[in-house]
Each structure stands twice: as C-alpha cells, then as structure tokens.
Protein backbone atom coordinates (compact mmCIF):
# COMPACT_ATOMS: atom_id res chain seq x y z
CA MET A 1 87.15 31.02 -171.43
CA ILE A 2 90.91 30.44 -171.16
CA ARG A 3 90.91 32.08 -167.72
CA LYS A 4 88.22 29.64 -166.53
CA ILE A 5 90.21 26.65 -167.81
CA VAL A 6 93.42 27.87 -166.16
CA ALA A 7 91.56 28.59 -162.92
CA ALA A 8 90.01 25.11 -162.94
CA MET A 9 93.42 23.52 -163.56
CA LEU A 10 95.02 25.48 -160.72
CA LEU A 11 92.18 24.63 -158.37
CA GLY A 12 92.42 20.93 -159.25
CA THR A 13 96.18 20.96 -158.71
CA SER A 14 95.88 22.67 -155.35
CA LEU A 15 93.19 20.26 -154.14
CA THR A 16 95.20 17.14 -154.96
CA GLY A 17 98.11 18.47 -152.92
CA CYS A 18 96.02 18.70 -149.74
CA SER A 19 95.84 15.01 -148.87
CA TYR A 20 98.55 13.40 -146.79
CA SER A 21 99.37 10.09 -145.21
CA TYR A 22 100.84 9.04 -141.90
CA ASP A 23 102.02 5.82 -140.30
CA LEU A 24 100.28 4.22 -137.34
CA ILE A 25 101.78 2.01 -134.67
CA VAL A 26 100.14 -0.16 -132.04
CA GLU A 27 101.50 -0.47 -128.52
CA VAL A 28 100.39 -1.76 -125.15
CA ARG A 29 100.07 1.13 -122.70
CA ASN A 30 98.87 0.55 -119.15
CA GLY A 31 97.74 -2.95 -120.17
CA GLN A 32 95.63 -1.70 -123.08
CA VAL A 33 96.23 -1.99 -126.84
CA THR A 34 96.64 1.59 -128.09
CA ILE A 35 96.85 3.09 -131.60
CA ASP A 36 99.13 6.07 -132.15
CA VAL A 37 100.95 7.98 -134.87
CA ASP A 38 104.43 6.58 -135.46
CA PRO A 39 107.02 9.10 -134.23
CA ALA A 40 108.99 8.41 -137.45
CA SER A 41 105.98 9.24 -139.65
CA PRO A 42 106.36 12.20 -142.04
CA GLN A 43 103.04 13.66 -140.77
CA HIS A 44 101.87 13.90 -137.14
CA PRO A 45 98.14 14.55 -136.86
CA THR A 46 96.68 14.71 -133.38
CA CYS A 47 93.04 14.00 -134.25
CA LEU A 48 91.04 11.39 -136.12
CA ARG A 49 87.46 10.93 -137.26
CA ARG A 50 87.49 7.34 -138.53
CA ILE A 51 89.17 4.15 -137.33
CA GLU A 52 89.10 0.59 -138.61
CA VAL A 53 90.95 -2.49 -137.42
CA SER A 54 90.62 -5.69 -139.46
CA ALA A 55 92.31 -9.07 -139.48
CA GLU A 56 94.07 -9.57 -142.82
CA ASP A 57 92.37 -12.93 -143.34
CA GLU A 58 88.80 -11.67 -142.75
CA ARG A 59 86.36 -9.53 -144.72
CA THR A 60 84.67 -7.96 -141.69
CA ALA A 61 86.15 -5.37 -139.36
CA SER A 62 87.19 -6.20 -135.82
CA TRP A 63 86.39 -2.58 -134.89
CA GLN A 64 85.10 0.29 -136.99
CA GLU A 65 83.75 3.73 -136.14
CA SER A 66 83.37 7.02 -137.95
CA ALA A 67 82.49 10.41 -136.51
CA SER A 68 81.45 13.58 -138.29
CA TYR A 69 84.10 15.79 -139.92
CA ASP A 70 83.06 18.46 -137.42
CA ASP A 71 83.92 16.16 -134.52
CA ASP A 72 87.31 14.85 -135.65
CA CYS A 73 89.30 16.69 -132.97
CA ALA A 74 87.03 15.30 -130.27
CA ASN A 75 89.05 12.11 -130.88
CA LYS A 76 92.78 12.30 -130.25
CA PHE A 77 95.77 10.04 -130.66
CA PRO A 78 96.76 7.88 -128.85
CA LEU A 79 93.48 5.99 -129.06
CA PRO A 80 92.82 2.88 -126.96
CA TYR A 81 91.48 -0.04 -129.00
CA GLY A 82 87.70 -0.24 -128.73
CA ARG A 83 87.11 3.17 -127.15
CA ARG A 84 83.95 4.64 -128.66
CA LEU A 85 84.65 7.71 -130.79
CA LEU A 86 83.23 10.95 -129.45
CA GLY A 87 80.89 13.14 -131.48
CA THR A 88 78.16 12.48 -134.00
CA HIS A 89 78.58 9.13 -135.68
CA GLN A 90 78.21 8.94 -139.46
CA PRO A 91 74.84 7.30 -140.25
CA ASP A 92 76.05 6.04 -143.65
CA SER A 93 79.18 4.41 -142.22
CA PRO A 94 78.85 1.06 -140.45
CA GLN A 95 79.85 1.03 -136.80
CA VAL A 96 81.34 -2.23 -135.53
CA ALA A 97 81.81 -2.66 -131.79
CA ALA A 98 85.33 -3.83 -130.91
CA LYS A 99 85.82 -7.58 -130.92
CA PRO A 100 88.58 -9.23 -128.87
CA LEU A 101 91.92 -9.27 -130.70
CA ARG A 102 93.37 -12.72 -131.31
CA ARG A 103 96.97 -13.74 -130.74
CA GLU A 104 99.16 -14.58 -133.75
CA THR A 105 96.76 -12.84 -136.14
CA ILE A 106 97.95 -10.02 -138.40
CA TYR A 107 95.77 -6.93 -138.22
CA GLU A 108 95.60 -3.83 -140.38
CA VAL A 109 94.63 -0.50 -138.86
CA THR A 110 93.51 2.53 -140.85
CA ALA A 111 92.47 6.00 -139.72
CA THR A 112 91.19 9.15 -141.36
CA THR A 113 91.97 12.63 -140.12
CA GLY A 114 89.68 15.39 -141.32
CA ALA A 115 88.76 14.89 -144.96
CA THR A 116 92.19 14.29 -146.45
CA GLY A 117 94.57 12.68 -143.95
CA TYR A 118 94.98 8.92 -144.08
CA GLY A 119 96.91 6.71 -141.67
CA GLY A 120 97.71 3.04 -141.76
CA GLY A 121 99.70 0.28 -140.14
CA ARG A 122 99.92 -3.45 -139.52
CA PHE A 123 100.54 -5.36 -136.30
CA ILE A 124 100.44 -8.76 -134.66
CA ILE A 125 100.00 -9.70 -131.01
CA HIS A 126 102.20 -12.70 -130.29
CA ALA A 127 101.28 -15.58 -127.99
CA ASN A 128 103.30 -13.96 -125.17
CA GLY A 129 101.25 -10.72 -125.50
CA LYS A 130 104.03 -8.71 -127.14
CA VAL A 131 102.83 -6.40 -129.93
CA GLU A 132 104.96 -6.23 -133.07
CA ASN A 133 104.39 -3.53 -135.68
CA LEU A 134 104.87 -4.92 -139.18
CA PRO A 135 105.97 -3.25 -142.42
CA PRO A 136 103.27 -2.21 -144.91
CA LYS A 137 101.87 -4.94 -147.09
CA LEU A 138 103.47 -4.67 -150.50
CA LEU A 139 101.26 -4.79 -153.57
CA PRO A 140 102.11 -7.43 -156.18
CA SER A 141 104.04 -5.91 -159.06
CA GLY A 142 101.88 -4.56 -161.88
CA THR A 143 98.47 -4.87 -160.19
CA GLY A 144 98.20 -1.62 -158.29
CA ASP A 145 95.29 -2.98 -156.24
CA GLY A 146 96.79 -5.76 -154.12
CA SER A 147 95.01 -8.59 -155.95
C-alpha cells in the first residue's frame, strides 16, 4: 500500500512539472499582423494547436481556433493573424473567424502548444499602424483571478 501511495505522489509531482509557459509578441511582417514567440521568452516552442485573440474590453474572441493535439505541429510560429489552423479542428471548441483588428484597442493573445505549453501576450495597434507589445496584465493584489 505504501508503495502505491509513494508511486502516486511521484507520478503527480512529475506531471505537474511538465507544463510550461512562453511569451508571445505581435509584429507586422510583410504588411500582415503576425504572432510569434518572444525571443526573450524562457521557452521557445515552434508549434501550436490553439490560438485566441480577444480585445480586453470584450467578452467574445476576435479570432479563435483549436486543432487536434495530433495536429499541433501542422501549425508553426510565426502565425499570421487570421490564418486558418491546419489539421482536424476540435468539435467541442468554438471556432471564431478572424475579425478586423481595431486601432487603439488593447488585445490579449493566448496560444496552447501540445497539451501543456501555454503562451500569452498583449498588444495594441496604434492609429499610425505601429504595433506595440505591452507588459502582462497584473492581477490585483490578493485576488488571484484578476477580478
């Protein structure tokens, strides 16, 4: 019995150590808004299986797609905004076709790589078309959930 408990504890510990995070940046490349992994990020995945871009002041996504875990490396960084993800789309995950991005609106972008890699970033497109990557949104002290 003790061996089973120790084995379960070791397995649980090893599984929690598998997830990782990375930072995303948004740039304009060849006239197109493009999402990429920040070169200064501690992790540098090349693939993704889920992407979501949302305006901070809205409840609905500006663009959202999710492909099967098996198809994550069919989709590589850098990813142009609005490009349809390759592979089998997840039937239980809503797909939102890309809407035009508005100037002077702050957007959040999140991505998932495989089952345990999570990326995120924030950006704004200024009136002159220049993209500025913003620091992460800080959670209010003591809430832990941003509310």
